[in-house]
N, C-alpha and C. Protein backbone atom coordinates (compact mmCIF):
# COMPACT_ATOMS: atom_id res chain seq x y z
N MET A 1 -18.48 -111.19 23.59
CA MET A 1 -17.53 -110.38 22.89
C MET A 1 -17.12 -110.57 24.22
N THR A 2 -16.39 -111.11 24.57
CA THR A 2 -15.97 -110.38 26.61
C THR A 2 -15.14 -108.69 26.11
N ILE A 3 -14.50 -108.29 27.62
CA ILE A 3 -14.60 -106.37 27.37
C ILE A 3 -12.80 -107.15 26.78
N PRO A 4 -11.31 -107.51 26.61
CA PRO A 4 -10.19 -108.27 26.81
C PRO A 4 -10.56 -108.14 24.97
N GLU A 5 -12.04 -108.63 24.31
CA GLU A 5 -11.58 -109.01 23.26
C GLU A 5 -12.08 -107.69 22.40
N ALA A 6 -12.99 -106.86 22.88
CA ALA A 6 -13.26 -105.87 22.14
C ALA A 6 -12.91 -104.69 22.52
N VAL A 7 -11.96 -104.31 23.46
CA VAL A 7 -10.22 -104.19 23.82
C VAL A 7 -9.33 -103.73 23.04
N SER A 8 -9.40 -105.11 22.12
CA SER A 8 -8.37 -105.41 21.52
C SER A 8 -8.52 -104.55 19.99
N LEU A 9 -10.14 -105.26 19.48
CA LEU A 9 -10.32 -104.54 18.36
C LEU A 9 -10.24 -102.90 18.11
N VAL A 10 -10.47 -102.49 19.93
CA VAL A 10 -11.01 -101.00 19.53
C VAL A 10 -8.94 -100.09 19.60
N MET A 11 -8.16 -101.24 20.07
CA MET A 11 -6.85 -101.37 19.75
C MET A 11 -6.26 -101.13 18.74
N GLU A 12 -7.03 -102.21 18.13
CA GLU A 12 -6.19 -102.17 16.46
C GLU A 12 -6.48 -101.21 15.42
N ALA A 13 -8.12 -101.20 16.08
CA ALA A 13 -8.46 -99.98 14.96
C ALA A 13 -7.64 -99.04 14.87
N ALA A 14 -7.68 -98.55 16.58
CA ALA A 14 -6.61 -96.91 16.23
C ALA A 14 -4.99 -97.00 16.24
N ALA A 15 -4.62 -98.37 15.88
CA ALA A 15 -3.94 -98.27 15.08
C ALA A 15 -4.01 -97.96 13.82
N ILE A 16 -4.27 -98.09 13.49
CA ILE A 16 -4.61 -98.45 12.28
C ILE A 16 -5.35 -96.87 11.10
N ALA A 17 -5.73 -96.81 12.32
CA ALA A 17 -5.85 -94.92 12.03
C ALA A 17 -5.18 -93.76 11.41
N HIS A 18 -5.40 -93.81 10.23
CA HIS A 18 -5.40 -92.63 9.47
C HIS A 18 -5.67 -91.43 10.01
N GLY A 19 -6.65 -91.40 10.80
CA GLY A 19 -7.25 -89.21 11.02
C GLY A 19 -8.95 -89.18 10.17
N GLY A 20 -10.08 -89.23 10.70
CA GLY A 20 -11.18 -89.08 10.26
C GLY A 20 -12.28 -90.39 9.89
N GLU A 21 -11.37 -91.28 10.49
CA GLU A 21 -12.21 -92.63 9.54
C GLU A 21 -12.97 -93.01 10.52
N ILE A 22 -14.50 -93.78 9.88
CA ILE A 22 -14.77 -93.64 11.25
C ILE A 22 -15.14 -95.47 11.30
N PHE A 23 -14.64 -96.09 12.04
CA PHE A 23 -14.27 -97.29 12.23
C PHE A 23 -15.71 -98.37 13.30
N VAL A 24 -16.54 -99.45 12.77
CA VAL A 24 -17.37 -100.26 12.71
C VAL A 24 -16.66 -101.58 13.23
N LEU A 25 -16.90 -102.29 14.35
CA LEU A 25 -16.81 -103.29 15.45
C LEU A 25 -17.94 -104.10 14.88
N ASP A 26 -17.27 -105.71 14.75
CA ASP A 26 -17.87 -106.27 14.33
C ASP A 26 -18.04 -107.39 15.52
N MET A 27 -18.97 -106.76 16.38
CA MET A 27 -18.78 -107.33 17.74
C MET A 27 -19.50 -108.53 18.58
N GLY A 28 -19.97 -109.29 17.41
CA GLY A 28 -21.36 -110.82 16.87
C GLY A 28 -21.96 -110.04 16.71
N GLN A 29 -23.54 -111.74 17.04
CA GLN A 29 -24.01 -111.15 16.91
C GLN A 29 -25.69 -110.38 18.36
N PRO A 30 -25.97 -109.70 18.48
CA PRO A 30 -26.77 -109.02 18.97
C PRO A 30 -28.13 -109.98 20.10
N VAL A 31 -27.56 -109.38 21.30
CA VAL A 31 -27.94 -110.08 22.46
C VAL A 31 -29.54 -110.33 22.93
N ARG A 32 -30.47 -110.41 22.86
CA ARG A 32 -31.82 -109.69 23.53
C ARG A 32 -32.17 -109.27 24.79
N ILE A 33 -32.15 -108.38 25.11
CA ILE A 33 -32.43 -107.66 26.57
C ILE A 33 -32.90 -108.42 27.56
N VAL A 34 -33.98 -109.34 26.77
CA VAL A 34 -34.74 -110.63 27.98
C VAL A 34 -34.30 -111.87 28.41
N ALA A 35 -33.14 -111.29 27.22
CA ALA A 35 -32.66 -112.84 27.23
C ALA A 35 -31.57 -112.51 28.34
N LEU A 36 -30.64 -111.60 28.63
CA LEU A 36 -29.83 -111.66 28.77
C LEU A 36 -30.49 -111.75 31.35
N ALA A 37 -31.26 -109.85 31.15
CA ALA A 37 -32.31 -109.88 32.08
C ALA A 37 -33.03 -111.91 32.82
N GLU A 38 -32.90 -112.56 31.26
CA GLU A 38 -33.20 -113.91 32.50
C GLU A 38 -32.12 -114.97 32.98
N ASN A 39 -30.86 -114.59 31.58
CA ASN A 39 -29.98 -115.54 32.46
C ASN A 39 -29.61 -114.81 33.97
N LEU A 40 -29.37 -113.93 33.70
CA LEU A 40 -28.93 -113.24 35.19
C LEU A 40 -29.65 -113.51 35.85
N ILE A 41 -31.09 -113.77 35.75
CA ILE A 41 -32.61 -114.04 37.26
C ILE A 41 -31.84 -115.40 37.61
N ARG A 42 -31.54 -116.21 36.98
CA ARG A 42 -31.40 -117.91 36.67
C ARG A 42 -29.90 -118.48 37.79
N MET A 43 -29.49 -116.75 36.54
CA MET A 43 -27.29 -117.36 37.68
C MET A 43 -27.65 -117.25 39.17
N TYR A 44 -28.54 -116.73 39.26
CA TYR A 44 -29.02 -115.72 40.88
C TYR A 44 -30.03 -117.20 41.73
N GLY A 45 -30.08 -118.19 40.55
CA GLY A 45 -30.83 -119.20 40.75
C GLY A 45 -32.62 -118.36 41.83
N LYS A 46 -32.85 -118.25 41.12
CA LYS A 46 -33.91 -117.56 41.00
C LYS A 46 -35.13 -117.52 39.43
N ILE A 47 -36.43 -117.56 39.36
CA ILE A 47 -36.73 -118.09 37.65
C ILE A 47 -37.71 -116.91 38.02
N PRO A 48 -37.32 -116.56 36.87
CA PRO A 48 -37.77 -114.81 35.64
C PRO A 48 -39.12 -115.19 35.68
N TYR A 49 -40.01 -113.90 36.13
CA TYR A 49 -41.37 -114.25 36.15
C TYR A 49 -42.28 -115.01 37.38
N LYS A 50 -40.94 -114.78 38.13
CA LYS A 50 -41.86 -116.19 39.03
C LYS A 50 -41.01 -115.21 40.58
N ASP A 51 -39.74 -115.90 40.64
CA ASP A 51 -39.46 -114.75 41.27
C ASP A 51 -38.43 -113.20 41.55
N VAL A 52 -38.45 -113.19 40.05
CA VAL A 52 -37.99 -112.27 39.83
C VAL A 52 -39.21 -111.44 38.61
N GLU A 53 -39.21 -110.60 38.02
CA GLU A 53 -40.59 -109.22 37.76
C GLU A 53 -39.83 -109.30 36.53
N ILE A 54 -40.15 -109.21 35.15
CA ILE A 54 -39.21 -108.35 34.27
C ILE A 54 -40.87 -107.64 33.92
N LYS A 55 -41.24 -106.26 33.59
CA LYS A 55 -41.74 -105.40 33.59
C LYS A 55 -41.39 -104.54 31.84
N PHE A 56 -42.21 -104.84 30.81
CA PHE A 56 -42.10 -103.95 29.20
C PHE A 56 -42.78 -103.40 29.22
N THR A 57 -41.65 -101.89 28.86
CA THR A 57 -42.33 -100.56 29.31
C THR A 57 -42.67 -99.82 27.96
N GLY A 58 -41.61 -100.34 26.48
CA GLY A 58 -42.40 -100.49 25.51
C GLY A 58 -41.03 -98.84 25.82
N LEU A 59 -40.20 -98.42 24.82
CA LEU A 59 -39.40 -97.57 24.50
C LEU A 59 -39.51 -95.89 25.27
N ARG A 60 -38.57 -95.49 25.96
CA ARG A 60 -38.97 -94.34 26.64
C ARG A 60 -38.43 -92.61 25.98
N PRO A 61 -38.64 -91.79 25.74
CA PRO A 61 -37.64 -90.50 25.29
C PRO A 61 -36.35 -90.74 25.09
N GLY A 62 -35.31 -91.29 24.21
CA GLY A 62 -34.46 -91.02 23.56
C GLY A 62 -34.11 -92.54 24.59
N GLU A 63 -34.77 -93.63 24.05
CA GLU A 63 -34.42 -94.57 23.87
C GLU A 63 -34.03 -95.41 22.57
N LYS A 64 -33.28 -95.97 21.76
CA LYS A 64 -33.62 -97.11 20.91
C LYS A 64 -33.98 -98.21 20.99
N ILE A 65 -34.23 -99.08 19.89
CA ILE A 65 -34.75 -100.06 20.30
C ILE A 65 -33.60 -100.81 19.22
N LYS A 66 -32.25 -100.43 18.64
CA LYS A 66 -31.18 -101.10 18.15
C LYS A 66 -30.31 -100.19 17.60
N GLU A 67 -29.09 -101.32 18.08
CA GLU A 67 -28.11 -100.27 17.43
C GLU A 67 -27.67 -100.57 16.65
N GLU A 68 -27.79 -99.96 15.24
CA GLU A 68 -27.36 -99.91 14.15
C GLU A 68 -26.20 -99.73 13.98
N LEU A 69 -24.79 -100.63 13.07
CA LEU A 69 -23.71 -100.40 13.24
C LEU A 69 -23.47 -99.82 11.61
N LEU A 70 -24.57 -99.40 10.86
CA LEU A 70 -24.28 -98.87 9.82
C LEU A 70 -25.84 -98.41 8.71
N MET A 71 -25.96 -97.38 8.47
CA MET A 71 -27.63 -97.79 7.41
C MET A 71 -26.99 -97.72 6.06
N ASN A 72 -28.07 -98.86 5.18
CA ASN A 72 -27.06 -99.54 3.88
C ASN A 72 -26.54 -98.34 3.66
N GLU A 73 -26.82 -97.62 2.98
CA GLU A 73 -26.58 -96.74 2.04
C GLU A 73 -25.22 -95.88 2.49
N GLU A 74 -24.63 -96.38 3.63
CA GLU A 74 -23.43 -95.67 4.08
C GLU A 74 -22.38 -96.45 3.76
N GLY A 75 -22.31 -97.94 3.18
CA GLY A 75 -21.56 -98.78 3.18
C GLY A 75 -20.23 -98.79 3.87
N LEU A 76 -19.27 -100.34 3.94
CA LEU A 76 -18.78 -100.48 4.35
C LEU A 76 -16.64 -101.24 3.52
N LYS A 77 -15.82 -100.05 4.10
CA LYS A 77 -14.98 -100.81 3.68
C LYS A 77 -14.38 -101.95 4.49
N LYS A 78 -13.91 -103.24 3.47
CA LYS A 78 -13.30 -104.03 4.77
C LYS A 78 -11.50 -103.54 5.49
N THR A 79 -11.19 -104.41 6.19
CA THR A 79 -9.41 -104.31 6.94
C THR A 79 -9.08 -105.21 6.42
N ALA A 80 -8.01 -105.47 7.15
CA ALA A 80 -7.19 -107.00 7.25
C ALA A 80 -7.30 -107.91 8.11
N ASN A 81 -8.30 -107.13 8.75
CA ASN A 81 -9.89 -107.82 10.42
C ASN A 81 -10.86 -107.93 9.48
N LYS A 82 -10.89 -109.59 9.72
CA LYS A 82 -12.28 -108.77 9.86
C LYS A 82 -13.13 -108.59 10.71
N LEU A 83 -13.25 -108.52 11.61
CA LEU A 83 -13.88 -108.02 12.54
C LEU A 83 -13.95 -105.73 12.86
N ILE A 84 -13.59 -105.70 11.21
CA ILE A 84 -13.07 -104.60 11.39
C ILE A 84 -13.45 -103.71 10.47
N PHE A 85 -14.50 -102.88 10.22
CA PHE A 85 -14.93 -102.03 8.68
C PHE A 85 -14.64 -100.54 8.68
N ILE A 86 -14.77 -100.27 8.03
CA ILE A 86 -14.04 -98.65 7.83
C ILE A 86 -15.43 -98.07 6.96
N GLY A 87 -16.38 -97.42 7.98
CA GLY A 87 -17.61 -96.58 7.16
C GLY A 87 -17.02 -95.96 6.42
N ARG A 88 -18.07 -95.83 4.94
CA ARG A 88 -17.92 -94.21 4.58
C ARG A 88 -19.11 -94.00 4.50
N GLN A 89 -19.11 -92.44 4.92
CA GLN A 89 -20.07 -91.10 5.54
C GLN A 89 -20.41 -90.97 4.46
N ILE A 90 -22.53 -90.17 5.12
CA ILE A 90 -23.51 -90.55 3.77
C ILE A 90 -22.85 -88.70 3.52
N GLU A 91 -22.85 -88.38 2.43
CA GLU A 91 -23.61 -87.42 2.12
C GLU A 91 -24.21 -86.83 1.82
N ILE A 92 -23.42 -85.22 2.57
CA ILE A 92 -25.16 -84.06 3.36
C ILE A 92 -25.48 -83.48 2.80
N ASP A 93 -26.67 -82.96 2.11
CA ASP A 93 -26.47 -81.37 1.23
C ASP A 93 -26.82 -80.18 1.57
N GLU A 94 -25.41 -79.83 1.11
CA GLU A 94 -24.79 -79.11 1.58
C GLU A 94 -25.84 -77.91 1.65
N GLN A 95 -26.81 -77.71 0.65
CA GLN A 95 -27.19 -75.91 0.33
C GLN A 95 -27.97 -76.35 1.54
N ASN A 96 -29.58 -77.39 2.09
CA ASN A 96 -30.46 -77.87 2.71
C ASN A 96 -30.34 -77.69 4.39
N PHE A 97 -29.07 -79.08 4.28
CA PHE A 97 -28.65 -78.56 6.28
C PHE A 97 -28.54 -77.13 6.44
N PRO A 98 -28.14 -77.02 6.33
CA PRO A 98 -27.84 -75.13 7.42
C PRO A 98 -29.23 -75.15 7.51
N ASN A 99 -30.60 -74.52 6.57
CA ASN A 99 -31.83 -74.68 6.73
C ASN A 99 -32.38 -75.39 7.48
N ARG A 100 -31.77 -76.42 6.77
CA ARG A 100 -32.76 -77.32 8.80
C ARG A 100 -32.18 -77.57 10.16
N LEU A 101 -31.41 -77.31 9.96
CA LEU A 101 -29.77 -77.28 11.24
C LEU A 101 -30.45 -76.24 11.78
N ARG A 102 -31.17 -75.12 11.48
CA ARG A 102 -31.86 -74.16 11.86
C ARG A 102 -33.14 -74.19 12.19
N LYS A 103 -34.13 -74.55 11.18
CA LYS A 103 -34.92 -74.99 11.81
C LYS A 103 -35.28 -75.68 13.06
N LEU A 104 -34.76 -76.77 13.21
CA LEU A 104 -34.10 -77.34 14.42
C LEU A 104 -34.22 -77.19 15.29
N ARG A 105 -32.77 -75.76 15.27
CA ARG A 105 -32.57 -75.12 16.58
C ARG A 105 -33.55 -74.34 16.61
N ASN A 106 -34.09 -73.82 15.99
CA ASN A 106 -35.38 -72.35 16.74
C ASN A 106 -36.53 -73.56 17.53
N ALA A 107 -36.99 -74.27 16.94
CA ALA A 107 -37.72 -75.62 17.44
C ALA A 107 -36.69 -75.99 19.05
N ALA A 108 -35.55 -76.07 19.22
CA ALA A 108 -35.75 -76.27 20.54
C ALA A 108 -35.61 -75.35 21.58
N GLU A 109 -35.24 -74.15 20.79
CA GLU A 109 -35.31 -72.33 22.14
C GLU A 109 -36.57 -72.22 22.07
N LYS A 110 -37.57 -72.70 20.93
CA LYS A 110 -38.83 -72.51 21.56
C LYS A 110 -39.97 -73.42 22.07
N ASN A 111 -38.75 -74.18 22.33
CA ASN A 111 -39.80 -76.03 22.55
C ASN A 111 -41.02 -76.62 22.35
N ASP A 112 -40.90 -75.89 21.20
CA ASP A 112 -41.21 -76.97 19.84
C ASP A 112 -41.46 -78.70 19.51
N GLU A 113 -41.98 -78.84 19.99
CA GLU A 113 -41.44 -80.42 20.18
C GLU A 113 -42.17 -80.68 18.48
N THR A 114 -43.67 -80.60 18.43
CA THR A 114 -43.78 -81.73 17.35
C THR A 114 -42.92 -80.85 16.16
N VAL A 115 -42.50 -79.25 15.84
CA VAL A 115 -41.72 -79.19 14.83
C VAL A 115 -40.19 -79.57 14.52
N ALA A 116 -39.74 -79.64 16.27
CA ALA A 116 -38.43 -80.31 16.05
C ALA A 116 -38.67 -82.00 15.49
N ILE A 117 -39.48 -82.76 16.23
CA ILE A 117 -39.42 -83.44 15.70
C ILE A 117 -39.58 -84.04 14.32
N GLN A 118 -40.06 -82.76 13.54
CA GLN A 118 -40.29 -82.92 12.00
C GLN A 118 -39.00 -82.93 11.44
N ALA A 119 -38.26 -81.82 12.02
CA ALA A 119 -37.18 -81.54 11.21
C ALA A 119 -35.99 -82.61 12.10
N MET A 120 -35.94 -83.19 12.78
CA MET A 120 -35.27 -84.61 12.39
C MET A 120 -35.39 -85.56 12.01
N HIS A 121 -36.85 -85.70 10.95
CA HIS A 121 -37.12 -86.69 10.39
C HIS A 121 -37.00 -85.97 9.16
N GLU A 122 -37.58 -84.50 8.42
CA GLU A 122 -37.18 -83.47 7.91
C GLU A 122 -35.29 -83.88 6.96
N MET A 123 -33.76 -84.25 8.06
CA MET A 123 -32.63 -84.48 8.26
C MET A 123 -32.34 -85.90 8.65
N VAL A 124 -33.34 -86.62 8.76
CA VAL A 124 -32.73 -88.12 8.86
C VAL A 124 -33.83 -88.23 8.22
N PRO A 125 -33.75 -89.49 7.25
CA PRO A 125 -35.30 -89.57 7.37
C PRO A 125 -35.57 -90.73 7.62
N THR A 126 -34.10 -91.53 8.44
CA THR A 126 -34.43 -93.67 9.23
C THR A 126 -34.41 -92.94 10.29
N PHE A 127 -35.38 -91.18 11.47
CA PHE A 127 -35.77 -91.38 13.01
C PHE A 127 -36.63 -91.55 12.74
N ILE A 128 -37.29 -92.32 13.88
CA ILE A 128 -38.46 -92.62 14.04
C ILE A 128 -38.37 -92.35 16.03
N THR A 129 -39.56 -92.06 16.44
CA THR A 129 -39.52 -91.41 17.50
C THR A 129 -39.96 -92.53 18.82
N PRO A 130 -39.77 -92.59 19.47
CA PRO A 130 -40.05 -93.96 20.63
C PRO A 130 -41.51 -94.11 20.84
N GLU A 131 -42.65 -92.93 20.50
CA GLU A 131 -43.66 -92.46 20.61
C GLU A 131 -44.44 -93.38 18.80
N GLU A 132 -43.57 -93.60 17.76
CA GLU A 132 -43.68 -93.65 17.04
C GLU A 132 -43.98 -95.10 16.76
N PHE A 133 -42.75 -96.45 17.82
CA PHE A 133 -41.99 -96.76 17.33
C PHE A 133 -42.85 -97.85 18.10
N ASN A 134 -43.60 -97.66 19.58
CA ASN A 134 -44.79 -98.75 20.78
C ASN A 134 -44.86 -98.37 19.60
N LYS A 135 -46.10 -97.70 19.08
CA LYS A 135 -47.09 -97.49 18.66
C LYS A 135 -47.12 -99.02 17.45
N GLN A 136 -46.23 -98.77 16.51
CA GLN A 136 -45.63 -100.31 15.18
C GLN A 136 -45.37 -101.81 16.10
N ALA A 137 -44.40 -101.77 16.56
CA ALA A 137 -43.75 -102.42 17.71
C ALA A 137 -44.48 -102.95 18.46
N PRO A 138 -45.71 -104.49 17.93
CA PRO A 138 -45.86 -104.77 19.91
C PRO A 138 -44.50 -104.99 20.58
N VAL A 139 -44.91 -105.48 21.65
CA VAL A 139 -43.29 -105.72 22.44
C VAL A 139 -43.93 -107.87 22.51
N THR A 140 -42.62 -108.44 22.38
CA THR A 140 -41.74 -109.49 22.48
C THR A 140 -41.52 -109.68 23.29
N VAL A 141 -41.93 -111.48 23.23
CA VAL A 141 -40.77 -111.97 24.71
C VAL A 141 -40.36 -113.09 24.17
C-alpha cells in the first residue's frame, strides 16, 4: 500500500469515528523484511549477499517478529469501507488486573526481570520474549 493510500484510510477512519473505537486498517499483505532489503539492494545495482551482506541477528529485546492486527479473541466489526474494521476490546478481569499490574510495577521498580516477565505472561497470555521466540523459531531466508 502506498503512503497516500494509507493516509486516505486513516483520514476515513477518523471521519467515521465516534470516540473510543479501535480501528484496524487492512493495508494489504505483509512484506518480509528480508525481501524488502534484497529488493533495495538490487535497486541500487548490487547483488544481495555478494555485494552487500545481510546479517540475521534474531529478535532483540523490544522487537516483535510480526505486528498482529488483532488477536483472534478480539474480533472485528465491518464498516462501509472493506479495508476499515472496528476492533472489540478484550474483557479485562477487573478483580485480578490491579494485582497483576502491581506485581509488574514492583518487579520493574526492583529491576527483577524474571518476575516482570512472569507478570507479563500472566497479564498477556500471548506475550513471548525475544529470547523465547529465538529458541523456538529458526531464522529462515
